[in-house]
Amino acid sequence: MRGWGFREALKYPLLWPLYGLCIADLSWLTFSATRTLLYNPDVVLDHKNNPEPWQAYREGRYRLWAGTYDYSKLKCKAPIFKDNDVIPVDDGNN
């Protein structure tokens, strides 16, 4: 093979499955990365307008598969913290 161009790739039909798998893998990588950036609550792209994005998912559950359990009736027991709050620490001396 003299080069990596499309015309050179057409001359070697035994390599077509390899090229197809590479294209499929790159397509899946692009789709997966885009889906993660757009829909995953752990990824924050705009900290200025949304400084505490985890509060939006406080009552909801982010699950790949939730099964038959109804998470809408559960309440979050964790306290609400803001940026400058001081968390009291129990050192066991009391």
PDB file of N, CA and C in Angstrom:
ATOM      1  N   MET A   1       0.843  -1.183   0.000  1.00  0.00           N
ATOM      2  CA  MET A   1       0.000   0.000   0.000  1.00  0.00           C
ATOM      3  C   MET A   1       0.881   1.235   0.000  1.00  0.00           C
ATOM      4  N   ARG A   2       0.620   2.088  -0.926  1.00  0.00           N
ATOM      5  CA  ARG A   2       1.412   3.304  -1.031  1.00  0.00           C
ATOM      6  C   ARG A   2       0.892   4.414  -0.127  1.00  0.00           C
ATOM      7  N   GLY A   3      -0.379   4.454   0.071  1.00  0.00           N
ATOM      8  CA  GLY A   3      -0.955   5.520   0.889  1.00  0.00           C
ATOM      9  C   GLY A   3      -2.160   5.026   1.654  1.00  0.00           C
ATOM     10  N   TRP A   4      -2.763   5.949   2.376  1.00  0.00           N
ATOM     11  CA  TRP A   4      -3.918   5.606   3.199  1.00  0.00           C
ATOM     12  C   TRP A   4      -5.201   6.176   2.615  1.00  0.00           C
ATOM     13  N   GLY A   5      -5.196   6.523   1.348  1.00  0.00           N
ATOM     14  CA  GLY A   5      -6.370   7.124   0.729  1.00  0.00           C
ATOM     15  C   GLY A   5      -7.471   6.121   0.442  1.00  0.00           C
ATOM     16  N   PHE A   6      -8.607   6.639   0.040  1.00  0.00           N
ATOM     17  CA  PHE A   6      -9.771   5.804  -0.232  1.00  0.00           C
ATOM     18  C   PHE A   6      -9.544   4.932  -1.464  1.00  0.00           C
ATOM     19  N   ARG A   7      -8.895   5.483  -2.481  1.00  0.00           N
ATOM     20  CA  ARG A   7      -8.642   4.701  -3.698  1.00  0.00           C
ATOM     21  C   ARG A   7      -7.681   3.552  -3.440  1.00  0.00           C
ATOM     22  N   GLU A   8      -6.720   3.754  -2.581  1.00  0.00           N
ATOM     23  CA  GLU A   8      -5.800   2.665  -2.233  1.00  0.00           C
ATOM     24  C   GLU A   8      -6.519   1.578  -1.440  1.00  0.00           C
ATOM     25  N   ALA A   9      -7.447   1.976  -0.572  1.00  0.00           N
ATOM     26  CA  ALA A   9      -8.178   0.997   0.232  1.00  0.00           C
ATOM     27  C   ALA A   9      -9.082   0.130  -0.638  1.00  0.00           C
ATOM     28  N   LEU A  10      -9.592   0.675  -1.733  1.00  0.00           N
ATOM     29  CA  LEU A  10     -10.450  -0.103  -2.621  1.00  0.00           C
ATOM     30  C   LEU A  10      -9.685  -1.196  -3.358  1.00  0.00           C
ATOM     31  N   LYS A  11      -8.387  -1.086  -3.456  1.00  0.00           N
ATOM     32  CA  LYS A  11      -7.586  -2.080  -4.177  1.00  0.00           C
ATOM     33  C   LYS A  11      -7.381  -3.360  -3.372  1.00  0.00           C
ATOM     34  N   TYR A  12      -7.612  -3.323  -2.072  1.00  0.00           N
ATOM     35  CA  TYR A  12      -7.372  -4.477  -1.203  1.00  0.00           C
ATOM     36  C   TYR A  12      -8.673  -4.882  -0.509  1.00  0.00           C
ATOM     37  N   PRO A  13      -9.482  -5.726  -1.164  1.00  0.00           N
ATOM     38  CA  PRO A  13     -10.786  -6.075  -0.587  1.00  0.00           C
ATOM     39  C   PRO A  13     -10.695  -6.887   0.701  1.00  0.00           C
ATOM     40  N   LEU A  14      -9.574  -7.520   0.977  1.00  0.00           N
ATOM     41  CA  LEU A  14      -9.452  -8.271   2.223  1.00  0.00           C
ATOM     42  C   LEU A  14      -9.383  -7.354   3.443  1.00  0.00           C
ATOM     43  N   LEU A  15      -9.047  -6.110   3.238  1.00  0.00           N
ATOM     44  CA  LEU A  15      -8.972  -5.160   4.350  1.00  0.00           C
ATOM     45  C   LEU A  15     -10.280  -4.403   4.577  1.00  0.00           C
ATOM     46  N   TRP A  16     -11.270  -4.612   3.716  1.00  0.00           N
ATOM     47  CA  TRP A  16     -12.536  -3.894   3.872  1.00  0.00           C
ATOM     48  C   TRP A  16     -13.217  -4.175   5.207  1.00  0.00           C
ATOM     49  N   PRO A  17     -13.244  -5.417   5.706  1.00  0.00           N
ATOM     50  CA  PRO A  17     -13.854  -5.624   7.034  1.00  0.00           C
ATOM     51  C   PRO A  17     -13.122  -4.873   8.146  1.00  0.00           C
ATOM     52  N   LEU A  18     -11.805  -4.783   8.033  1.00  0.00           N
ATOM     53  CA  LEU A  18     -11.039  -4.041   9.032  1.00  0.00           C
ATOM     54  C   LEU A  18     -11.403  -2.563   9.006  1.00  0.00           C
ATOM     55  N   TYR A  19     -11.509  -2.004   7.799  1.00  0.00           N
ATOM     56  CA  TYR A  19     -11.909  -0.604   7.688  1.00  0.00           C
ATOM     57  C   TYR A  19     -13.333  -0.403   8.206  1.00  0.00           C
ATOM     58  N   GLY A  20     -14.206  -1.357   7.913  1.00  0.00           N
ATOM     59  CA  GLY A  20     -15.588  -1.263   8.395  1.00  0.00           C
ATOM     60  C   GLY A  20     -15.666  -1.284   9.912  1.00  0.00           C
ATOM     61  N   LEU A  21     -14.889  -2.171  10.539  1.00  0.00           N
ATOM     62  CA  LEU A  21     -14.880  -2.221  12.003  1.00  0.00           C
ATOM     63  C   LEU A  21     -14.305  -0.942  12.610  1.00  0.00           C
ATOM     64  N   CYS A  22     -13.277  -0.401  11.987  1.00  0.00           N
ATOM     65  CA  CYS A  22     -12.705   0.862  12.494  1.00  0.00           C
ATOM     66  C   CYS A  22     -13.720   1.998  12.395  1.00  0.00           C
ATOM     67  N   ILE A  23     -14.443   2.057  11.288  1.00  0.00           N
ATOM     68  CA  ILE A  23     -15.456   3.102  11.121  1.00  0.00           C
ATOM     69  C   ILE A  23     -16.589   2.908  12.128  1.00  0.00           C
ATOM     70  N   ALA A  24     -17.013   1.654  12.337  1.00  0.00           N
ATOM     71  CA  ALA A  24     -18.077   1.382  13.309  1.00  0.00           C
ATOM     72  C   ALA A  24     -17.628   1.743  14.726  1.00  0.00           C
ATOM     73  N   ASP A  25     -16.391   1.421  15.076  1.00  0.00           N
ATOM     74  CA  ASP A  25     -15.881   1.754  16.412  1.00  0.00           C
ATOM     75  C   ASP A  25     -15.802   3.260  16.625  1.00  0.00           C
ATOM     76  N   LEU A  26     -15.325   3.980  15.630  1.00  0.00           N
ATOM     77  CA  LEU A  26     -15.243   5.437  15.766  1.00  0.00           C
ATOM     78  C   LEU A  26     -16.631   6.069  15.834  1.00  0.00           C
ATOM     79  N   SER A  27     -17.577   5.500  15.103  1.00  0.00           N
ATOM     80  CA  SER A  27     -18.955   6.008  15.174  1.00  0.00           C
ATOM     81  C   SER A  27     -19.542   5.776  16.563  1.00  0.00           C
ATOM     82  N   TRP A  28     -19.320   4.578  17.122  1.00  0.00           N
ATOM     83  CA  TRP A  28     -19.832   4.278  18.463  1.00  0.00           C
ATOM     84  C   TRP A  28     -19.157   5.163  19.515  1.00  0.00           C
ATOM     85  N   LEU A  29     -17.873   5.400  19.363  1.00  0.00           N
ATOM     86  CA  LEU A  29     -17.153   6.267  20.294  1.00  0.00           C
ATOM     87  C   LEU A  29     -17.721   7.682  20.257  1.00  0.00           C
ATOM     88  N   THR A  30     -17.971   8.193  19.067  1.00  0.00           N
ATOM     89  CA  THR A  30     -18.524   9.535  18.933  1.00  0.00           C
ATOM     90  C   THR A  30     -19.921   9.617  19.543  1.00  0.00           C
ATOM     91  N   PHE A  31     -20.759   8.625  19.270  1.00  0.00           N
ATOM     92  CA  PHE A  31     -22.110   8.600  19.835  1.00  0.00           C
ATOM     93  C   PHE A  31     -22.067   8.521  21.355  1.00  0.00           C
ATOM     94  N   SER A  32     -21.237   7.644  21.885  1.00  0.00           N
ATOM     95  CA  SER A  32     -21.173   7.448  23.338  1.00  0.00           C
ATOM     96  C   SER A  32     -20.663   8.701  24.047  1.00  0.00           C
ATOM     97  N   ALA A  33     -19.627   9.322  23.506  1.00  0.00           N
ATOM     98  CA  ALA A  33     -19.088  10.538  24.125  1.00  0.00           C
ATOM     99  C   ALA A  33     -20.099  11.680  24.067  1.00  0.00           C
ATOM    100  N   THR A  34     -20.797  11.818  22.950  1.00  0.00           N
ATOM    101  CA  THR A  34     -21.802  12.871  22.825  1.00  0.00           C
ATOM    102  C   THR A  34     -22.966  12.636  23.782  1.00  0.00           C
ATOM    103  N   ARG A  35     -23.416  11.392  23.897  1.00  0.00           N
ATOM    104  CA  ARG A  35     -24.515  11.066  24.807  1.00  0.00           C
ATOM    105  C   ARG A  35     -24.116  11.335  26.257  1.00  0.00           C
ATOM    106  N   THR A  36     -22.878  11.005  26.613  1.00  0.00           N
ATOM    107  CA  THR A  36     -22.406  11.253  27.971  1.00  0.00           C
ATOM    108  C   THR A  36     -22.342  12.748  28.264  1.00  0.00           C
ATOM    109  N   LEU A  37     -21.844  13.528  27.321  1.00  0.00           N
ATOM    110  CA  LEU A  37     -21.753  14.971  27.533  1.00  0.00           C
ATOM    111  C   LEU A  37     -23.119  15.633  27.649  1.00  0.00           C
ATOM    112  N   LEU A  38     -24.089  15.149  26.898  1.00  0.00           N
ATOM    113  CA  LEU A  38     -25.384  15.820  26.872  1.00  0.00           C
ATOM    114  C   LEU A  38     -26.344  15.356  27.954  1.00  0.00           C
ATOM    115  N   TYR A  39     -26.305  14.081  28.335  1.00  0.00           N
ATOM    116  CA  TYR A  39     -27.352  13.545  29.191  1.00  0.00           C
ATOM    117  C   TYR A  39     -26.889  13.040  30.547  1.00  0.00           C
ATOM    118  N   ASN A  40     -25.617  12.953  30.807  1.00  0.00           N
ATOM    119  CA  ASN A  40     -25.143  12.435  32.082  1.00  0.00           C
ATOM    120  C   ASN A  40     -25.139  13.559  33.115  1.00  0.00           C
ATOM    121  N   PRO A  41     -25.757  13.365  34.276  1.00  0.00           N
ATOM    122  CA  PRO A  41     -25.795  14.443  35.270  1.00  0.00           C
ATOM    123  C   PRO A  41     -24.445  14.693  35.943  1.00  0.00           C
ATOM    124  N   ASP A  42     -23.488  13.801  35.786  1.00  0.00           N
ATOM    125  CA  ASP A  42     -22.177  13.999  36.392  1.00  0.00           C
ATOM    126  C   ASP A  42     -21.307  14.957  35.588  1.00  0.00           C
ATOM    127  N   VAL A  43     -21.657  15.222  34.348  1.00  0.00           N
ATOM    128  CA  VAL A  43     -20.875  16.098  33.484  1.00  0.00           C
ATOM    129  C   VAL A  43     -21.506  17.480  33.503  1.00  0.00           C
ATOM    130  N   VAL A  44     -20.726  18.489  33.878  1.00  0.00           N
ATOM    131  CA  VAL A  44     -21.212  19.863  33.940  1.00  0.00           C
ATOM    132  C   VAL A  44     -20.371  20.701  32.990  1.00  0.00           C
ATOM    133  N   LEU A  45     -21.015  21.291  32.010  1.00  0.00           N
ATOM    134  CA  LEU A  45     -20.304  22.115  31.040  1.00  0.00           C
ATOM    135  C   LEU A  45     -20.440  23.604  31.337  1.00  0.00           C
ATOM    136  N   ASP A  46     -21.423  23.992  32.137  1.00  0.00           N
ATOM    137  CA  ASP A  46     -21.682  25.404  32.401  1.00  0.00           C
ATOM    138  C   ASP A  46     -21.771  25.631  33.909  1.00  0.00           C
ATOM    139  N   HIS A  47     -20.641  25.906  34.537  1.00  0.00           N
ATOM    140  CA  HIS A  47     -20.618  26.131  35.985  1.00  0.00           C
ATOM    141  C   HIS A  47     -21.109  27.531  36.349  1.00  0.00           C
ATOM    142  N   LYS A  48     -21.065  28.461  35.414  1.00  0.00           N
ATOM    143  CA  LYS A  48     -21.446  29.832  35.723  1.00  0.00           C
ATOM    144  C   LYS A  48     -22.958  29.954  35.945  1.00  0.00           C
ATOM    145  N   ASN A  49     -23.752  29.361  35.062  1.00  0.00           N
ATOM    146  CA  ASN A  49     -25.207  29.458  35.177  1.00  0.00           C
ATOM    147  C   ASN A  49     -25.814  28.342  36.020  1.00  0.00           C
ATOM    148  N   ASN A  50     -25.058  27.294  36.292  1.00  0.00           N
ATOM    149  CA  ASN A  50     -25.564  26.160  37.064  1.00  0.00           C
ATOM    150  C   ASN A  50     -24.482  25.714  38.046  1.00  0.00           C
ATOM    151  N   PRO A  51     -24.277  26.463  39.150  1.00  0.00           N
ATOM    152  CA  PRO A  51     -23.156  26.159  40.044  1.00  0.00           C
ATOM    153  C   PRO A  51     -23.329  24.873  40.846  1.00  0.00           C
ATOM    154  N   GLU A  52     -24.550  24.436  41.082  1.00  0.00           N
ATOM    155  CA  GLU A  52     -24.790  23.209  41.851  1.00  0.00           C
ATOM    156  C   GLU A  52     -25.737  22.295  41.076  1.00  0.00           C
ATOM    157  N   PRO A  53     -25.247  21.638  40.043  1.00  0.00           N
ATOM    158  CA  PRO A  53     -26.130  20.848  39.180  1.00  0.00           C
ATOM    159  C   PRO A  53     -26.661  19.588  39.844  1.00  0.00           C
ATOM    160  N   TRP A  54     -26.015  19.125  40.888  1.00  0.00           N
ATOM    161  CA  TRP A  54     -26.460  17.894  41.540  1.00  0.00           C
ATOM    162  C   TRP A  54     -27.780  18.084  42.279  1.00  0.00           C
ATOM    163  N   GLN A  55     -28.154  19.331  42.559  1.00  0.00           N
ATOM    164  CA  GLN A  55     -29.422  19.568  43.248  1.00  0.00           C
ATOM    165  C   GLN A  55     -30.625  19.245  42.356  1.00  0.00           C
ATOM    166  N   ALA A  56     -30.440  19.277  41.044  1.00  0.00           N
ATOM    167  CA  ALA A  56     -31.536  18.944  40.136  1.00  0.00           C
ATOM    168  C   ALA A  56     -31.892  17.467  40.227  1.00  0.00           C
ATOM    169  N   TYR A  57     -30.936  16.636  40.596  1.00  0.00           N
ATOM    170  CA  TYR A  57     -31.166  15.197  40.705  1.00  0.00           C
ATOM    171  C   TYR A  57     -31.321  14.754  42.156  1.00  0.00           C
ATOM    172  N   ARG A  58     -31.661  15.674  43.020  1.00  0.00           N
ATOM    173  CA  ARG A  58     -31.756  15.349  44.440  1.00  0.00           C
ATOM    174  C   ARG A  58     -32.844  14.315  44.716  1.00  0.00           C
ATOM    175  N   GLU A  59     -34.024  14.511  44.191  1.00  0.00           N
ATOM    176  CA  GLU A  59     -35.129  13.578  44.426  1.00  0.00           C
ATOM    177  C   GLU A  59     -35.203  12.487  43.363  1.00  0.00           C
ATOM    178  N   GLY A  60     -34.613  12.712  42.218  1.00  0.00           N
ATOM    179  CA  GLY A  60     -34.676  11.719  41.154  1.00  0.00           C
ATOM    180  C   GLY A  60     -33.541  10.719  41.262  1.00  0.00           C
ATOM    181  N   ARG A  61     -33.623   9.699  40.478  1.00  0.00           N
ATOM    182  CA  ARG A  61     -32.582   8.679  40.445  1.00  0.00           C
ATOM    183  C   ARG A  61     -32.077   8.558  39.025  1.00  0.00           C
ATOM    184  N   TYR A  62     -30.793   8.501  38.888  1.00  0.00           N
ATOM    185  CA  TYR A  62     -30.179   8.307  37.584  1.00  0.00           C
ATOM    186  C   TYR A  62     -29.723   6.861  37.520  1.00  0.00           C
ATOM    187  N   ARG A  63     -30.460   6.043  36.822  1.00  0.00           N
ATOM    188  CA  ARG A  63     -30.175   4.615  36.756  1.00  0.00           C
ATOM    189  C   ARG A  63     -30.141   4.176  35.304  1.00  0.00           C
ATOM    190  N   LEU A  64     -29.262   3.242  35.014  1.00  0.00           N
ATOM    191  CA  LEU A  64     -29.259   2.638  33.691  1.00  0.00           C
ATOM    192  C   LEU A  64     -30.484   1.752  33.533  1.00  0.00           C
ATOM    193  N   TRP A  65     -30.795   0.992  34.576  1.00  0.00           N
ATOM    194  CA  TRP A  65     -31.979   0.137  34.586  1.00  0.00           C
ATOM    195  C   TRP A  65     -32.539   0.141  35.995  1.00  0.00           C
ATOM    196  N   ALA A  66     -33.745   0.613  36.167  1.00  0.00           N
ATOM    197  CA  ALA A  66     -34.331   0.739  37.496  1.00  0.00           C
ATOM    198  C   ALA A  66     -35.150  -0.475  37.894  1.00  0.00           C
ATOM    199  N   GLY A  67     -35.455  -1.345  36.972  1.00  0.00           N
ATOM    200  CA  GLY A  67     -36.267  -2.503  37.300  1.00  0.00           C
ATOM    201  C   GLY A  67     -37.710  -2.107  37.542  1.00  0.00           C
ATOM    202  N   THR A  68     -38.357  -2.761  38.481  1.00  0.00           N
ATOM    203  CA  THR A  68     -39.767  -2.483  38.755  1.00  0.00           C
ATOM    204  C   THR A  68     -39.962  -1.643  40.010  1.00  0.00           C
ATOM    205  N   TYR A  69     -38.891  -1.222  40.656  1.00  0.00           N
ATOM    206  CA  TYR A  69     -38.999  -0.444  41.889  1.00  0.00           C
ATOM    207  C   TYR A  69     -39.349   1.000  41.564  1.00  0.00           C
ATOM    208  N   ASP A  70     -40.276   1.581  42.313  1.00  0.00           N
ATOM    209  CA  ASP A  70     -40.712   2.956  42.096  1.00  0.00           C
ATOM    210  C   ASP A  70     -39.887   3.891  42.976  1.00  0.00           C
ATOM    211  N   TYR A  71     -38.966   4.626  42.367  1.00  0.00           N
ATOM    212  CA  TYR A  71     -38.092   5.532  43.107  1.00  0.00           C
ATOM    213  C   TYR A  71     -38.740   6.890  43.358  1.00  0.00           C
ATOM    214  N   SER A  72     -39.906   7.142  42.791  1.00  0.00           N
ATOM    215  CA  SER A  72     -40.520   8.459  42.957  1.00  0.00           C
ATOM    216  C   SER A  72     -41.033   8.680  44.377  1.00  0.00           C
ATOM    217  N   LYS A  73     -41.236   7.628  45.142  1.00  0.00           N
ATOM    218  CA  LYS A  73     -41.744   7.770  46.512  1.00  0.00           C
ATOM    219  C   LYS A  73     -40.633   7.913  47.543  1.00  0.00           C
ATOM    220  N   LEU A  74     -39.400   7.723  47.150  1.00  0.00           N
ATOM    221  CA  LEU A  74     -38.281   7.878  48.083  1.00  0.00           C
ATOM    222  C   LEU A  74     -37.918   9.352  48.233  1.00  0.00           C
ATOM    223  N   LYS A  75     -37.585   9.755  49.420  1.00  0.00           N
ATOM    224  CA  LYS A  75     -37.123  11.113  49.671  1.00  0.00           C
ATOM    225  C   LYS A  75     -35.645  11.063  50.012  1.00  0.00           C
ATOM    226  N   CYS A  76     -34.921  12.042  49.548  1.00  0.00           N
ATOM    227  CA  CYS A  76     -33.487  12.110  49.810  1.00  0.00           C
ATOM    228  C   CYS A  76     -33.265  12.538  51.261  1.00  0.00           C
ATOM    229  N   LYS A  77     -32.453  11.790  51.987  1.00  0.00           N
ATOM    230  CA  LYS A  77     -32.201  12.079  53.399  1.00  0.00           C
ATOM    231  C   LYS A  77     -30.957  12.937  53.616  1.00  0.00           C
ATOM    232  N   ALA A  78     -30.230  13.205  52.571  1.00  0.00           N
ATOM    233  CA  ALA A  78     -29.010  13.997  52.702  1.00  0.00           C
ATOM    234  C   ALA A  78     -29.355  15.468  52.916  1.00  0.00           C
ATOM    235  N   PRO A  79     -28.569  16.177  53.727  1.00  0.00           N
ATOM    236  CA  PRO A  79     -28.827  17.605  53.933  1.00  0.00           C
ATOM    237  C   PRO A  79     -28.459  18.407  52.691  1.00  0.00           C
ATOM    238  N   ILE A  80     -29.051  19.582  52.582  1.00  0.00           N
ATOM    239  CA  ILE A  80     -28.751  20.468  51.463  1.00  0.00           C
ATOM    240  C   ILE A  80     -27.594  21.368  51.872  1.00  0.00           C
ATOM    241  N   PHE A  81     -26.514  21.317  51.125  1.00  0.00           N
ATOM    242  CA  PHE A  81     -25.336  22.132  51.397  1.00  0.00           C
ATOM    243  C   PHE A  81     -25.193  23.188  50.321  1.00  0.00           C
ATOM    244  N   LYS A  82     -24.797  24.362  50.721  1.00  0.00           N
ATOM    245  CA  LYS A  82     -24.465  25.426  49.780  1.00  0.00           C
ATOM    246  C   LYS A  82     -22.951  25.570  49.758  1.00  0.00           C
ATOM    247  N   ASP A  83     -22.450  26.436  48.904  1.00  0.00           N
ATOM    248  CA  ASP A  83     -21.003  26.535  48.707  1.00  0.00           C
ATOM    249  C   ASP A  83     -20.239  26.939  49.963  1.00  0.00           C
ATOM    250  N   ASN A  84     -20.766  27.856  50.768  1.00  0.00           N
ATOM    251  CA  ASN A  84     -20.013  28.373  51.910  1.00  0.00           C
ATOM    252  C   ASN A  84     -20.464  27.791  53.243  1.00  0.00           C
ATOM    253  N   ASP A  85     -21.224  26.721  53.225  1.00  0.00           N
ATOM    254  CA  ASP A  85     -21.667  26.096  54.471  1.00  0.00           C
ATOM    255  C   ASP A  85     -20.512  25.381  55.156  1.00  0.00           C
ATOM    256  N   VAL A  86     -20.560  25.399  56.475  1.00  0.00           N
ATOM    257  CA  VAL A  86     -19.575  24.669  57.268  1.00  0.00           C
ATOM    258  C   VAL A  86     -20.245  23.399  57.767  1.00  0.00           C
ATOM    259  N   ILE A  87     -19.614  22.283  57.531  1.00  0.00           N
ATOM    260  CA  ILE A  87     -20.169  21.002  57.949  1.00  0.00           C
ATOM    261  C   ILE A  87     -19.629  20.681  59.328  1.00  0.00           C
ATOM    262  N   PRO A  88     -20.504  20.537  60.350  1.00  0.00           N
ATOM    263  CA  PRO A  88     -20.008  20.188  61.684  1.00  0.00           C
ATOM    264  C   PRO A  88     -19.485  18.752  61.693  1.00  0.00           C
ATOM    265  N   VAL A  89     -18.359  18.570  62.352  1.00  0.00           N
ATOM    266  CA  VAL A  89     -17.727  17.255  62.422  1.00  0.00           C
ATOM    267  C   VAL A  89     -17.804  16.769  63.859  1.00  0.00           C
ATOM    268  N   ASP A  90     -18.290  15.565  64.047  1.00  0.00           N
ATOM    269  CA  ASP A  90     -18.362  14.962  65.373  1.00  0.00           C
ATOM    270  C   ASP A  90     -17.047  14.238  65.620  1.00  0.00           C
ATOM    271  N   ASP A  91     -16.234  14.765  66.551  1.00  0.00           N
ATOM    272  CA  ASP A  91     -14.929  14.154  66.820  1.00  0.00           C
ATOM    273  C   ASP A  91     -14.995  13.098  67.915  1.00  0.00           C
ATOM    274  N   GLY A  92     -16.150  12.877  68.498  1.00  0.00           N
ATOM    275  CA  GLY A  92     -16.312  11.836  69.501  1.00  0.00           C
ATOM    276  C   GLY A  92     -15.980  12.275  70.911  1.00  0.00           C
ATOM    277  N   ASN A  93     -15.632  13.538  71.162  1.00  0.00           N
ATOM    278  CA  ASN A  93     -15.281  14.016  72.497  1.00  0.00           C
ATOM    279  C   ASN A  93     -16.505  14.430  73.301  1.00  0.00           C
ATOM    280  N   ASN A  94     -17.640  14.575  72.696  1.00  0.00           N
ATOM    281  CA  ASN A  94     -18.839  15.030  73.407  1.00  0.00           C
ATOM    282  C   ASN A  94     -19.573  13.900  74.040  1.00  0.00           C
TER     283      ASN A  94
END
